[in-house]
Amino acid sequence: MRLGFIGFGEVTFELSTSLRQEGVEMIFIRDVMLNHPTFDCIVY
């Protein structure tokens, strides 16, 4: 299964972590903070 998220920031990280543990193989994200110097460490 492949899944994508747009603009959910840290929520995407938390959801993705759980979904990966449940077997989702590919998760794509896009967030405006992805390349932000302060917040990119929590949005990956």
C-alpha atoms as a PDB file:
ATOM      1  CA  MET A   1       0.000   0.000   0.000  1.00  0.00           C
ATOM      2  CA  ARG A   2       1.170   3.540  -0.753  1.00  0.00           C
ATOM      3  CA  LEU A   3      -0.096   6.581   1.105  1.00  0.00           C
ATOM      4  CA  GLY A   4       0.475  10.318   0.858  1.00  0.00           C
ATOM      5  CA  PHE A   5      -0.026  13.291   3.160  1.00  0.00           C
ATOM      6  CA  ILE A   6       0.039  16.992   2.346  1.00  0.00           C
ATOM      7  CA  GLY A   7       0.643  19.586   5.042  1.00  0.00           C
ATOM      8  CA  PHE A   8       0.143  17.800   8.334  1.00  0.00           C
ATOM      9  CA  GLY A   9       3.613  18.394   9.803  1.00  0.00           C
ATOM     10  CA  GLU A  10       4.311  16.574  13.045  1.00  0.00           C
ATOM     11  CA  VAL A  11       0.967  14.781  12.833  1.00  0.00           C
ATOM     12  CA  THR A  12       2.184  13.161   9.614  1.00  0.00           C
ATOM     13  CA  PHE A  13       5.314  11.949  11.375  1.00  0.00           C
ATOM     14  CA  GLU A  14       3.304  10.368  14.195  1.00  0.00           C
ATOM     15  CA  LEU A  15       0.761   8.792  11.831  1.00  0.00           C
ATOM     16  CA  SER A  16       3.462   7.549   9.497  1.00  0.00           C
ATOM     17  CA  THR A  17       5.394   5.932  12.317  1.00  0.00           C
ATOM     18  CA  SER A  18       2.328   3.948  13.375  1.00  0.00           C
ATOM     19  CA  LEU A  19       1.317   3.092   9.817  1.00  0.00           C
ATOM     20  CA  ARG A  20       4.800   1.779   9.009  1.00  0.00           C
ATOM     21  CA  GLN A  21       4.581  -0.509  12.042  1.00  0.00           C
ATOM     22  CA  GLU A  22       1.280  -1.798  10.637  1.00  0.00           C
ATOM     23  CA  GLY A  23       2.822  -2.641   7.268  1.00  0.00           C
ATOM     24  CA  VAL A  24       2.361   0.405   5.012  1.00  0.00           C
ATOM     25  CA  GLU A  25       5.440   0.245   2.810  1.00  0.00           C
ATOM     26  CA  MET A  26       5.523   3.669   1.140  1.00  0.00           C
ATOM     27  CA  ILE A  27       4.465   6.971   2.652  1.00  0.00           C
ATOM     28  CA  PHE A  28       4.936  10.250   0.795  1.00  0.00           C
ATOM     29  CA  ILE A  29       4.724  13.640   2.464  1.00  0.00           C
ATOM     30  CA  ARG A  30       4.807  17.262   1.397  1.00  0.00           C
ATOM     31  CA  ASP A  31       4.850  20.063   3.925  1.00  0.00           C
ATOM     32  CA  VAL A  32       6.001  23.682   3.658  1.00  0.00           C
ATOM     33  CA  MET A  33       8.096  23.172   6.796  1.00  0.00           C
ATOM     34  CA  LEU A  34      10.012  20.277   5.255  1.00  0.00           C
ATOM     35  CA  ASN A  35      13.013  22.486   4.441  1.00  0.00           C
ATOM     36  CA  HIS A  36      12.551  24.990   7.260  1.00  0.00           C
ATOM     37  CA  PRO A  37      15.775  25.518   9.281  1.00  0.00           C
ATOM     38  CA  THR A  38      14.001  25.124  12.641  1.00  0.00           C
ATOM     39  CA  PHE A  39      11.219  22.618  11.971  1.00  0.00           C
ATOM     40  CA  ASP A  40      12.675  20.263   9.373  1.00  0.00           C
ATOM     41  CA  CYS A  41      14.007  17.991  12.139  1.00  0.00           C
ATOM     42  CA  ILE A  42      10.444  17.069  13.189  1.00  0.00           C
ATOM     43  CA  VAL A  43       8.931  16.935   9.692  1.00  0.00           C
ATOM     44  CA  TYR A  44      10.596  14.104   7.806  1.00  0.00           C
END
